Amino acid sequence: MKIVAVCGFGVGSSLLLKMSIDKALKQLGYDFESSNTDITTAHSIDCDAIFTSVDLAEQFKDKGVPVYAIEHYMSVEECKKAICDLITKYGDKVDLS
């Protein structure tokens, strides 16, 4: 599974979010791939889910993958909740390896 963290420029906020995603994945025992990028590039990346801000989430409604609006980028708990939701709702549709 590949999760992409997205912010406007793909540098600061998305990197913080990616770090929280990585910590959450480790705590949950998953070895999924994660990356961070800007909003423009994110539209062309092949991924299984997008984690982004509440403000940007709507821009990915037609991407065809689950989009999680994360309010607190440094919250590992919020990322864990989103990852668990992703696996529960979409685990049969994505590669969990």
PDB file of N, CA and C in Angstrom:
ATOM      1  N   MET A   1       0.853  -1.174   0.000  1.00  0.00           N
ATOM      2  CA  MET A   1       0.000   0.000   0.000  1.00  0.00           C
ATOM      3  C   MET A   1       0.895   1.232   0.000  1.00  0.00           C
ATOM      4  N   LYS A   2       0.459   2.225  -0.730  1.00  0.00           N
ATOM      5  CA  LYS A   2       1.190   3.482  -0.775  1.00  0.00           C
ATOM      6  C   LYS A   2       0.271   4.623  -0.344  1.00  0.00           C
ATOM      7  N   ILE A   3       0.720   5.356   0.675  1.00  0.00           N
ATOM      8  CA  ILE A   3      -0.002   6.516   1.186  1.00  0.00           C
ATOM      9  C   ILE A   3       0.811   7.753   0.845  1.00  0.00           C
ATOM     10  N   VAL A   4       0.146   8.769   0.293  1.00  0.00           N
ATOM     11  CA  VAL A   4       0.821  10.011  -0.070  1.00  0.00           C
ATOM     12  C   VAL A   4       0.308  11.146   0.814  1.00  0.00           C
ATOM     13  N   ALA A   5       1.248  11.849   1.431  1.00  0.00           N
ATOM     14  CA  ALA A   5       0.932  13.046   2.225  1.00  0.00           C
ATOM     15  C   ALA A   5       1.075  14.256   1.307  1.00  0.00           C
ATOM     16  N   VAL A   6       0.064  15.111   1.281  1.00  0.00           N
ATOM     17  CA  VAL A   6       0.036  16.218   0.326  1.00  0.00           C
ATOM     18  C   VAL A   6      -0.182  17.559   1.022  1.00  0.00           C
ATOM     19  N   CYS A   7       0.607  18.546   0.591  1.00  0.00           N
ATOM     20  CA  CYS A   7       0.373  19.935   0.992  1.00  0.00           C
ATOM     21  C   CYS A   7       0.560  20.811  -0.248  1.00  0.00           C
ATOM     22  N   GLY A   8       0.402  22.076  -0.097  1.00  0.00           N
ATOM     23  CA  GLY A   8       0.450  22.988  -1.235  1.00  0.00           C
ATOM     24  C   GLY A   8       1.733  22.940  -2.028  1.00  0.00           C
ATOM     25  N   PHE A   9       2.873  22.967  -1.348  1.00  0.00           N
ATOM     26  CA  PHE A   9       4.164  23.006  -2.034  1.00  0.00           C
ATOM     27  C   PHE A   9       4.947  21.705  -1.917  1.00  0.00           C
ATOM     28  N   GLY A  10       4.485  20.765  -1.115  1.00  0.00           N
ATOM     29  CA  GLY A  10       5.138  19.468  -1.008  1.00  0.00           C
ATOM     30  C   GLY A  10       6.413  19.462  -0.200  1.00  0.00           C
ATOM     31  N   VAL A  11       6.596  20.452   0.657  1.00  0.00           N
ATOM     32  CA  VAL A  11       7.856  20.537   1.397  1.00  0.00           C
ATOM     33  C   VAL A  11       7.614  20.428   2.901  1.00  0.00           C
ATOM     34  N   GLY A  12       7.083  21.458   3.508  1.00  0.00           N
ATOM     35  CA  GLY A  12       6.995  21.526   4.970  1.00  0.00           C
ATOM     36  C   GLY A  12       5.904  20.682   5.589  1.00  0.00           C
ATOM     37  N   SER A  13       4.678  21.057   5.356  1.00  0.00           N
ATOM     38  CA  SER A  13       3.553  20.400   6.018  1.00  0.00           C
ATOM     39  C   SER A  13       3.435  18.936   5.621  1.00  0.00           C
ATOM     40  N   SER A  14       3.614  18.652   4.352  1.00  0.00           N
ATOM     41  CA  SER A  14       3.480  17.260   3.923  1.00  0.00           C
ATOM     42  C   SER A  14       4.585  16.383   4.506  1.00  0.00           C
ATOM     43  N   LEU A  15       5.776  16.941   4.713  1.00  0.00           N
ATOM     44  CA  LEU A  15       6.850  16.172   5.330  1.00  0.00           C
ATOM     45  C   LEU A  15       6.521  15.866   6.791  1.00  0.00           C
ATOM     46  N   LEU A  16       5.969  16.843   7.514  1.00  0.00           N
ATOM     47  CA  LEU A  16       5.533  16.600   8.896  1.00  0.00           C
ATOM     48  C   LEU A  16       4.461  15.519   8.940  1.00  0.00           C
ATOM     49  N   LEU A  17       3.505  15.604   8.017  1.00  0.00           N
ATOM     50  CA  LEU A  17       2.434  14.611   7.957  1.00  0.00           C
ATOM     51  C   LEU A  17       2.997  13.233   7.622  1.00  0.00           C
ATOM     52  N   LYS A  18       3.920  13.152   6.679  1.00  0.00           N
ATOM     53  CA  LYS A  18       4.542  11.876   6.327  1.00  0.00           C
ATOM     54  C   LYS A  18       5.233  11.266   7.542  1.00  0.00           C
ATOM     55  N   MET A  19       5.917  12.083   8.318  1.00  0.00           N
ATOM     56  CA  MET A  19       6.593  11.591   9.518  1.00  0.00           C
ATOM     57  C   MET A  19       5.581  11.016  10.516  1.00  0.00           C
ATOM     58  N   SER A  20       4.435  11.662  10.659  1.00  0.00           N
ATOM     59  CA  SER A  20       3.381  11.152  11.544  1.00  0.00           C
ATOM     60  C   SER A  20       2.793   9.862  10.995  1.00  0.00           C
ATOM     61  N   ILE A  21       2.603   9.796   9.693  1.00  0.00           N
ATOM     62  CA  ILE A  21       2.101   8.576   9.058  1.00  0.00           C
ATOM     63  C   ILE A  21       3.078   7.428   9.309  1.00  0.00           C
ATOM     64  N   ASP A  22       4.366   7.683   9.109  1.00  0.00           N
ATOM     65  CA  ASP A  22       5.376   6.646   9.312  1.00  0.00           C
ATOM     66  C   ASP A  22       5.390   6.139  10.756  1.00  0.00           C
ATOM     67  N   LYS A  23       5.275   7.055  11.719  1.00  0.00           N
ATOM     68  CA  LYS A  23       5.224   6.648  13.125  1.00  0.00           C
ATOM     69  C   LYS A  23       3.972   5.807  13.399  1.00  0.00           C
ATOM     70  N   ALA A  24       2.848   6.234  12.840  1.00  0.00           N
ATOM     71  CA  ALA A  24       1.598   5.498  13.034  1.00  0.00           C
ATOM     72  C   ALA A  24       1.694   4.104  12.425  1.00  0.00           C
ATOM     73  N   LEU A  25       2.246   4.009  11.217  1.00  0.00           N
ATOM     74  CA  LEU A  25       2.400   2.707  10.565  1.00  0.00           C
ATOM     75  C   LEU A  25       3.281   1.784  11.397  1.00  0.00           C
ATOM     76  N   LYS A  26       4.357   2.316  11.916  1.00  0.00           N
ATOM     77  CA  LYS A  26       5.271   1.517  12.737  1.00  0.00           C
ATOM     78  C   LYS A  26       4.562   1.026  13.998  1.00  0.00           C
ATOM     79  N   GLN A  27       3.829   1.916  14.663  1.00  0.00           N
ATOM     80  CA  GLN A  27       3.122   1.530  15.879  1.00  0.00           C
ATOM     81  C   GLN A  27       2.044   0.484  15.608  1.00  0.00           C
ATOM     82  N   LEU A  28       1.439   0.557  14.422  1.00  0.00           N
ATOM     83  CA  LEU A  28       0.394  -0.399  14.051  1.00  0.00           C
ATOM     84  C   LEU A  28       0.968  -1.696  13.486  1.00  0.00           C
ATOM     85  N   GLY A  29       2.256  -1.689  13.184  1.00  0.00           N
ATOM     86  CA  GLY A  29       2.902  -2.893  12.666  1.00  0.00           C
ATOM     87  C   GLY A  29       2.786  -3.088  11.170  1.00  0.00           C
ATOM     88  N   TYR A  30       2.531  -2.022  10.425  1.00  0.00           N
ATOM     89  CA  TYR A  30       2.432  -2.112   8.965  1.00  0.00           C
ATOM     90  C   TYR A  30       3.697  -1.572   8.315  1.00  0.00           C
ATOM     91  N   ASP A  31       4.076  -2.179   7.209  1.00  0.00           N
ATOM     92  CA  ASP A  31       5.263  -1.768   6.470  1.00  0.00           C
ATOM     93  C   ASP A  31       4.842  -1.193   5.118  1.00  0.00           C
ATOM     94  N   PHE A  32       3.926  -0.239   5.136  1.00  0.00           N
ATOM     95  CA  PHE A  32       3.444   0.378   3.912  1.00  0.00           C
ATOM     96  C   PHE A  32       4.406   1.463   3.459  1.00  0.00           C
ATOM     97  N   GLU A  33       4.328   1.801   2.186  1.00  0.00           N
ATOM     98  CA  GLU A  33       5.144   2.884   1.637  1.00  0.00           C
ATOM     99  C   GLU A  33       4.416   4.209   1.854  1.00  0.00           C
ATOM    100  N   SER A  34       5.185   5.237   2.172  1.00  0.00           N
ATOM    101  CA  SER A  34       4.600   6.576   2.262  1.00  0.00           C
ATOM    102  C   SER A  34       5.553   7.561   1.606  1.00  0.00           C
ATOM    103  N   SER A  35       4.975   8.635   1.111  1.00  0.00           N
ATOM    104  CA  SER A  35       5.779   9.698   0.503  1.00  0.00           C
ATOM    105  C   SER A  35       5.045  11.012   0.706  1.00  0.00           C
ATOM    106  N   ASN A  36       5.729  12.106   0.396  1.00  0.00           N
ATOM    107  CA  ASN A  36       5.072  13.406   0.471  1.00  0.00           C
ATOM    108  C   ASN A  36       5.308  14.161  -0.824  1.00  0.00           C
ATOM    109  N   THR A  37       4.362  15.004  -1.164  1.00  0.00           N
ATOM    110  CA  THR A  37       4.448  15.735  -2.423  1.00  0.00           C
ATOM    111  C   THR A  37       3.545  16.960  -2.396  1.00  0.00           C
ATOM    112  N   ASP A  38       3.615  17.729  -3.481  1.00  0.00           N
ATOM    113  CA  ASP A  38       2.765  18.913  -3.630  1.00  0.00           C
ATOM    114  C   ASP A  38       1.437  18.531  -4.276  1.00  0.00           C
ATOM    115  N   ILE A  39       0.515  19.456  -4.228  1.00  0.00           N
ATOM    116  CA  ILE A  39      -0.842  19.179  -4.708  1.00  0.00           C
ATOM    117  C   ILE A  39      -0.897  18.887  -6.215  1.00  0.00           C
ATOM    118  N   THR A  40      -0.102  19.567  -7.000  1.00  0.00           N
ATOM    119  CA  THR A  40      -0.122  19.346  -8.452  1.00  0.00           C
ATOM    120  C   THR A  40       0.394  17.955  -8.798  1.00  0.00           C
ATOM    121  N   THR A  41       1.526  17.582  -8.234  1.00  0.00           N
ATOM    122  CA  THR A  41       2.125  16.273  -8.502  1.00  0.00           C
ATOM    123  C   THR A  41       1.236  15.145  -7.992  1.00  0.00           C
ATOM    124  N   ALA A  42       0.564  15.370  -6.883  1.00  0.00           N
ATOM    125  CA  ALA A  42      -0.276  14.330  -6.279  1.00  0.00           C
ATOM    126  C   ALA A  42      -1.355  13.823  -7.225  1.00  0.00           C
ATOM    127  N   HIS A  43      -1.836  14.670  -8.103  1.00  0.00           N
ATOM    128  CA  HIS A  43      -2.881  14.257  -9.040  1.00  0.00           C
ATOM    129  C   HIS A  43      -2.399  13.199 -10.023  1.00  0.00           C
ATOM    130  N   SER A  44      -1.097  13.121 -10.257  1.00  0.00           N
ATOM    131  CA  SER A  44      -0.579  12.154 -11.229  1.00  0.00           C
ATOM    132  C   SER A  44       0.134  10.963 -10.585  1.00  0.00           C
ATOM    133  N   ILE A  45       0.229  10.929  -9.278  1.00  0.00           N
ATOM    134  CA  ILE A  45       0.904   9.836  -8.581  1.00  0.00           C
ATOM    135  C   ILE A  45      -0.040   8.654  -8.402  1.00  0.00           C
ATOM    136  N   ASP A  46       0.479   7.461  -8.649  1.00  0.00           N
ATOM    137  CA  ASP A  46      -0.269   6.242  -8.392  1.00  0.00           C
ATOM    138  C   ASP A  46      -0.145   5.909  -6.909  1.00  0.00           C
ATOM    139  N   CYS A  47      -1.265   5.919  -6.213  1.00  0.00           N
ATOM    140  CA  CYS A  47      -1.241   5.647  -4.777  1.00  0.00           C
ATOM    141  C   CYS A  47      -2.556   4.993  -4.368  1.00  0.00           C
ATOM    142  N   ASP A  48      -2.577   4.515  -3.125  1.00  0.00           N
ATOM    143  CA  ASP A  48      -3.777   3.867  -2.592  1.00  0.00           C
ATOM    144  C   ASP A  48      -4.605   4.788  -1.718  1.00  0.00           C
ATOM    145  N   ALA A  49      -3.986   5.852  -1.196  1.00  0.00           N
ATOM    146  CA  ALA A  49      -4.696   6.808  -0.339  1.00  0.00           C
ATOM    147  C   ALA A  49      -3.920   8.114  -0.277  1.00  0.00           C
ATOM    148  N   ILE A  50      -4.657   9.179  -0.034  1.00  0.00           N
ATOM    149  CA  ILE A  50      -4.066  10.506   0.128  1.00  0.00           C
ATOM    150  C   ILE A  50      -4.452  11.028   1.505  1.00  0.00           C
ATOM    151  N   PHE A  51      -3.451  11.517   2.226  1.00  0.00           N
ATOM    152  CA  PHE A  51      -3.660  12.200   3.494  1.00  0.00           C
ATOM    153  C   PHE A  51      -3.275  13.651   3.244  1.00  0.00           C
ATOM    154  N   THR A  52      -4.160  14.564   3.578  1.00  0.00           N
ATOM    155  CA  THR A  52      -3.920  15.977   3.313  1.00  0.00           C
ATOM    156  C   THR A  52      -4.689  16.829   4.304  1.00  0.00           C
ATOM    157  N   SER A  53      -4.672  18.127   4.102  1.00  0.00           N
ATOM    158  CA  SER A  53      -5.388  19.040   4.994  1.00  0.00           C
ATOM    159  C   SER A  53      -6.870  19.081   4.654  1.00  0.00           C
ATOM    160  N   VAL A  54      -7.635  19.590   5.574  1.00  0.00           N
ATOM    161  CA  VAL A  54      -9.070  19.768   5.356  1.00  0.00           C
ATOM    162  C   VAL A  54      -9.296  20.684   4.153  1.00  0.00           C
ATOM    163  N   ASP A  55      -8.482  21.725   4.021  1.00  0.00           N
ATOM    164  CA  ASP A  55      -8.623  22.691   2.923  1.00  0.00           C
ATOM    165  C   ASP A  55      -8.361  22.082   1.547  1.00  0.00           C
ATOM    166  N   LEU A  56      -7.456  21.119   1.466  1.00  0.00           N
ATOM    167  CA  LEU A  56      -7.080  20.554   0.169  1.00  0.00           C
ATOM    168  C   LEU A  56      -7.826  19.268  -0.189  1.00  0.00           C
ATOM    169  N   ALA A  57      -8.444  18.635   0.766  1.00  0.00           N
ATOM    170  CA  ALA A  57      -9.068  17.326   0.546  1.00  0.00           C
ATOM    171  C   ALA A  57     -10.068  17.322  -0.607  1.00  0.00           C
ATOM    172  N   GLU A  58     -10.864  18.342  -0.705  1.00  0.00           N
ATOM    173  CA  GLU A  58     -11.904  18.422  -1.741  1.00  0.00           C
ATOM    174  C   GLU A  58     -11.317  18.372  -3.157  1.00  0.00           C
ATOM    175  N   GLN A  59     -10.095  18.822  -3.323  1.00  0.00           N
ATOM    176  CA  GLN A  59      -9.482  18.854  -4.654  1.00  0.00           C
ATOM    177  C   GLN A  59      -9.139  17.465  -5.183  1.00  0.00           C
ATOM    178  N   PHE A  60      -9.257  16.447  -4.332  1.00  0.00           N
ATOM    179  CA  PHE A  60      -8.937  15.085  -4.752  1.00  0.00           C
ATOM    180  C   PHE A  60     -10.168  14.191  -4.857  1.00  0.00           C
ATOM    181  N   LYS A  61     -11.356  14.788  -4.854  1.00  0.00           N
ATOM    182  CA  LYS A  61     -12.581  13.992  -4.851  1.00  0.00           C
ATOM    183  C   LYS A  61     -12.728  13.129  -6.096  1.00  0.00           C
ATOM    184  N   ASP A  62     -12.098  13.496  -7.208  1.00  0.00           N
ATOM    185  CA  ASP A  62     -12.208  12.722  -8.441  1.00  0.00           C
ATOM    186  C   ASP A  62     -10.991  11.841  -8.700  1.00  0.00           C
ATOM    187  N   LYS A  63     -10.072  11.734  -7.757  1.00  0.00           N
ATOM    188  CA  LYS A  63      -8.845  10.950  -7.949  1.00  0.00           C
ATOM    189  C   LYS A  63      -9.114   9.451  -7.945  1.00  0.00           C
ATOM    190  N   GLY A  64     -10.170   9.023  -7.279  1.00  0.00           N
ATOM    191  CA  GLY A  64     -10.496   7.605  -7.266  1.00  0.00           C
ATOM    192  C   GLY A  64      -9.818   6.805  -6.167  1.00  0.00           C
ATOM    193  N   VAL A  65      -9.255   7.496  -5.174  1.00  0.00           N
ATOM    194  CA  VAL A  65      -8.664   6.827  -4.013  1.00  0.00           C
ATOM    195  C   VAL A  65      -9.220   7.482  -2.757  1.00  0.00           C
ATOM    196  N   PRO A  66      -9.182   6.769  -1.640  1.00  0.00           N
ATOM    197  CA  PRO A  66      -9.635   7.381  -0.382  1.00  0.00           C
ATOM    198  C   PRO A  66      -8.775   8.591  -0.029  1.00  0.00           C
ATOM    199  N   VAL A  67      -9.436   9.638   0.444  1.00  0.00           N
ATOM    200  CA  VAL A  67      -8.747  10.858   0.850  1.00  0.00           C
ATOM    201  C   VAL A  67      -9.095  11.125   2.308  1.00  0.00           C
ATOM    202  N   TYR A  68      -8.055  11.315   3.110  1.00  0.00           N
ATOM    203  CA  TYR A  68      -8.242  11.581   4.533  1.00  0.00           C
ATOM    204  C   TYR A  68      -7.778  12.990   4.855  1.00  0.00           C
ATOM    205  N   ALA A  69      -8.698  13.787   5.370  1.00  0.00           N
ATOM    206  CA  ALA A  69      -8.390  15.158   5.793  1.00  0.00           C
ATOM    207  C   ALA A  69      -7.881  15.093   7.227  1.00  0.00           C
ATOM    208  N   ILE A  70      -6.618  15.407   7.394  1.00  0.00           N
ATOM    209  CA  ILE A  70      -5.981  15.363   8.702  1.00  0.00           C
ATOM    210  C   ILE A  70      -5.899  16.783   9.257  1.00  0.00           C
ATOM    211  N   GLU A  71      -6.481  16.996  10.411  1.00  0.00           N
ATOM    212  CA  GLU A  71      -6.495  18.337  11.006  1.00  0.00           C
ATOM    213  C   GLU A  71      -5.177  18.700  11.679  1.00  0.00           C
ATOM    214  N   HIS A  72      -4.556  17.746  12.333  1.00  0.00           N
ATOM    215  CA  HIS A  72      -3.329  17.997  13.079  1.00  0.00           C
ATOM    216  C   HIS A  72      -2.213  17.118  12.505  1.00  0.00           C
ATOM    217  N   TYR A  73      -1.393  17.697  11.661  1.00  0.00           N
ATOM    218  CA  TYR A  73      -0.359  16.949  10.947  1.00  0.00           C
ATOM    219  C   TYR A  73       0.622  16.227  11.858  1.00  0.00           C
ATOM    220  N   MET A  74       0.814  16.699  13.051  1.00  0.00           N
ATOM    221  CA  MET A  74       1.767  16.067  13.957  1.00  0.00           C
ATOM    222  C   MET A  74       1.103  15.048  14.888  1.00  0.00           C
ATOM    223  N   SER A  75      -0.175  14.776  14.674  1.00  0.00           N
ATOM    224  CA  SER A  75      -0.901  13.841  15.523  1.00  0.00           C
ATOM    225  C   SER A  75      -0.778  12.416  14.986  1.00  0.00           C
ATOM    226  N   VAL A  76       0.038  11.629  15.644  1.00  0.00           N
ATOM    227  CA  VAL A  76       0.191  10.230  15.277  1.00  0.00           C
ATOM    228  C   VAL A  76      -1.125   9.493  15.499  1.00  0.00           C
ATOM    229  N   GLU A  77      -1.834   9.840  16.561  1.00  0.00           N
ATOM    230  CA  GLU A  77      -3.115   9.192  16.862  1.00  0.00           C
ATOM    231  C   GLU A  77      -4.142   9.439  15.756  1.00  0.00           C
ATOM    232  N   GLU A  78      -4.199  10.650  15.242  1.00  0.00           N
ATOM    233  CA  GLU A  78      -5.137  10.952  14.157  1.00  0.00           C
ATOM    234  C   GLU A  78      -4.772  10.155  12.902  1.00  0.00           C
ATOM    235  N   CYS A  79      -3.477  10.025  12.637  1.00  0.00           N
ATOM    236  CA  CYS A  79      -3.026   9.230  11.486  1.00  0.00           C
ATOM    237  C   CYS A  79      -3.338   7.747  11.690  1.00  0.00           C
ATOM    238  N   LYS A  80      -3.156   7.247  12.904  1.00  0.00           N
ATOM    239  CA  LYS A  80      -3.478   5.846  13.197  1.00  0.00           C
ATOM    240  C   LYS A  80      -4.963   5.580  12.953  1.00  0.00           C
ATOM    241  N   LYS A  81      -5.787   6.507  13.391  1.00  0.00           N
ATOM    242  CA  LYS A  81      -7.234   6.347  13.194  1.00  0.00           C
ATOM    243  C   LYS A  81      -7.566   6.306  11.699  1.00  0.00           C
ATOM    244  N   ALA A  82      -6.935   7.180  10.924  1.00  0.00           N
ATOM    245  CA  ALA A  82      -7.185   7.208   9.479  1.00  0.00           C
ATOM    246  C   ALA A  82      -6.683   5.926   8.812  1.00  0.00           C
ATOM    247  N   ILE A  83      -5.531   5.434   9.221  1.00  0.00           N
ATOM    248  CA  ILE A  83      -4.989   4.199   8.646  1.00  0.00           C
ATOM    249  C   ILE A  83      -5.892   3.020   8.977  1.00  0.00           C
ATOM    250  N   CYS A  84      -6.344   2.931  10.204  1.00  0.00           N
ATOM    251  CA  CYS A  84      -7.263   1.847  10.584  1.00  0.00           C
ATOM    252  C   CYS A  84      -8.562   1.923   9.797  1.00  0.00           C
ATOM    253  N   ASP A  85      -9.065   3.128   9.591  1.00  0.00           N
ATOM    254  CA  ASP A  85     -10.277   3.313   8.789  1.00  0.00           C
ATOM    255  C   ASP A  85     -10.022   2.877   7.348  1.00  0.00           C
ATOM    256  N   LEU A  86      -8.882   3.252   6.806  1.00  0.00           N
ATOM    257  CA  LEU A  86      -8.516   2.880   5.437  1.00  0.00           C
ATOM    258  C   LEU A  86      -8.497   1.364   5.277  1.00  0.00           C
ATOM    259  N   ILE A  87      -7.878   0.681   6.202  1.00  0.00           N
ATOM    260  CA  ILE A  87      -7.783  -0.779   6.116  1.00  0.00           C
ATOM    261  C   ILE A  87      -9.148  -1.427   6.296  1.00  0.00           C
ATOM    262  N   THR A  88      -9.936  -0.919   7.225  1.00  0.00           N
ATOM    263  CA  THR A  88     -11.264  -1.472   7.469  1.00  0.00           C
ATOM    264  C   THR A  88     -12.184  -1.301   6.270  1.00  0.00           C
ATOM    265  N   LYS A  89     -12.205  -0.101   5.704  1.00  0.00           N
ATOM    266  CA  LYS A  89     -13.129   0.198   4.604  1.00  0.00           C
ATOM    267  C   LYS A  89     -12.630  -0.260   3.239  1.00  0.00           C
ATOM    268  N   TYR A  90     -11.317  -0.197   3.014  1.00  0.00           N
ATOM    269  CA  TYR A  90     -10.790  -0.421   1.675  1.00  0.00           C
ATOM    270  C   TYR A  90      -9.764  -1.542   1.588  1.00  0.00           C
ATOM    271  N   GLY A  91      -9.553  -2.271   2.668  1.00  0.00           N
ATOM    272  CA  GLY A  91      -8.534  -3.306   2.701  1.00  0.00           C
ATOM    273  C   GLY A  91      -8.679  -4.366   1.628  1.00  0.00           C
ATOM    274  N   ASP A  92      -9.899  -4.640   1.225  1.00  0.00           N
ATOM    275  CA  ASP A  92     -10.117  -5.644   0.176  1.00  0.00           C
ATOM    276  C   ASP A  92      -9.869  -5.073  -1.217  1.00  0.00           C
ATOM    277  N   LYS A  93      -9.692  -3.751  -1.341  1.00  0.00           N
ATOM    278  CA  LYS A  93      -9.512  -3.113  -2.647  1.00  0.00           C
ATOM    279  C   LYS A  93      -8.088  -2.634  -2.901  1.00  0.00           C
ATOM    280  N   VAL A  94      -7.237  -2.707  -1.872  1.00  0.00           N
ATOM    281  CA  VAL A  94      -5.864  -2.221  -2.012  1.00  0.00           C
ATOM    282  C   VAL A  94      -4.889  -3.322  -1.616  1.00  0.00           C
ATOM    283  N   ASP A  95      -3.663  -3.162  -2.082  1.00  0.00           N
ATOM    284  CA  ASP A  95      -2.599  -4.101  -1.763  1.00  0.00           C
ATOM    285  C   ASP A  95      -2.077  -3.795  -0.358  1.00  0.00           C
ATOM    286  N   LEU A  96      -2.301  -4.682   0.586  1.00  0.00           N
ATOM    287  CA  LEU A  96      -1.901  -4.438   1.956  1.00  0.00           C
ATOM    288  C   LEU A  96      -0.460  -4.865   2.239  1.00  0.00           C
ATOM    289  N   SER A  97       0.275  -5.168   1.204  1.00  0.00           N
ATOM    290  CA  SER A  97       1.684  -5.556   1.420  1.00  0.00           C
ATOM    291  C   SER A  97       2.588  -4.338   1.341  1.00  0.00           C
TER     292      SER A  97
END
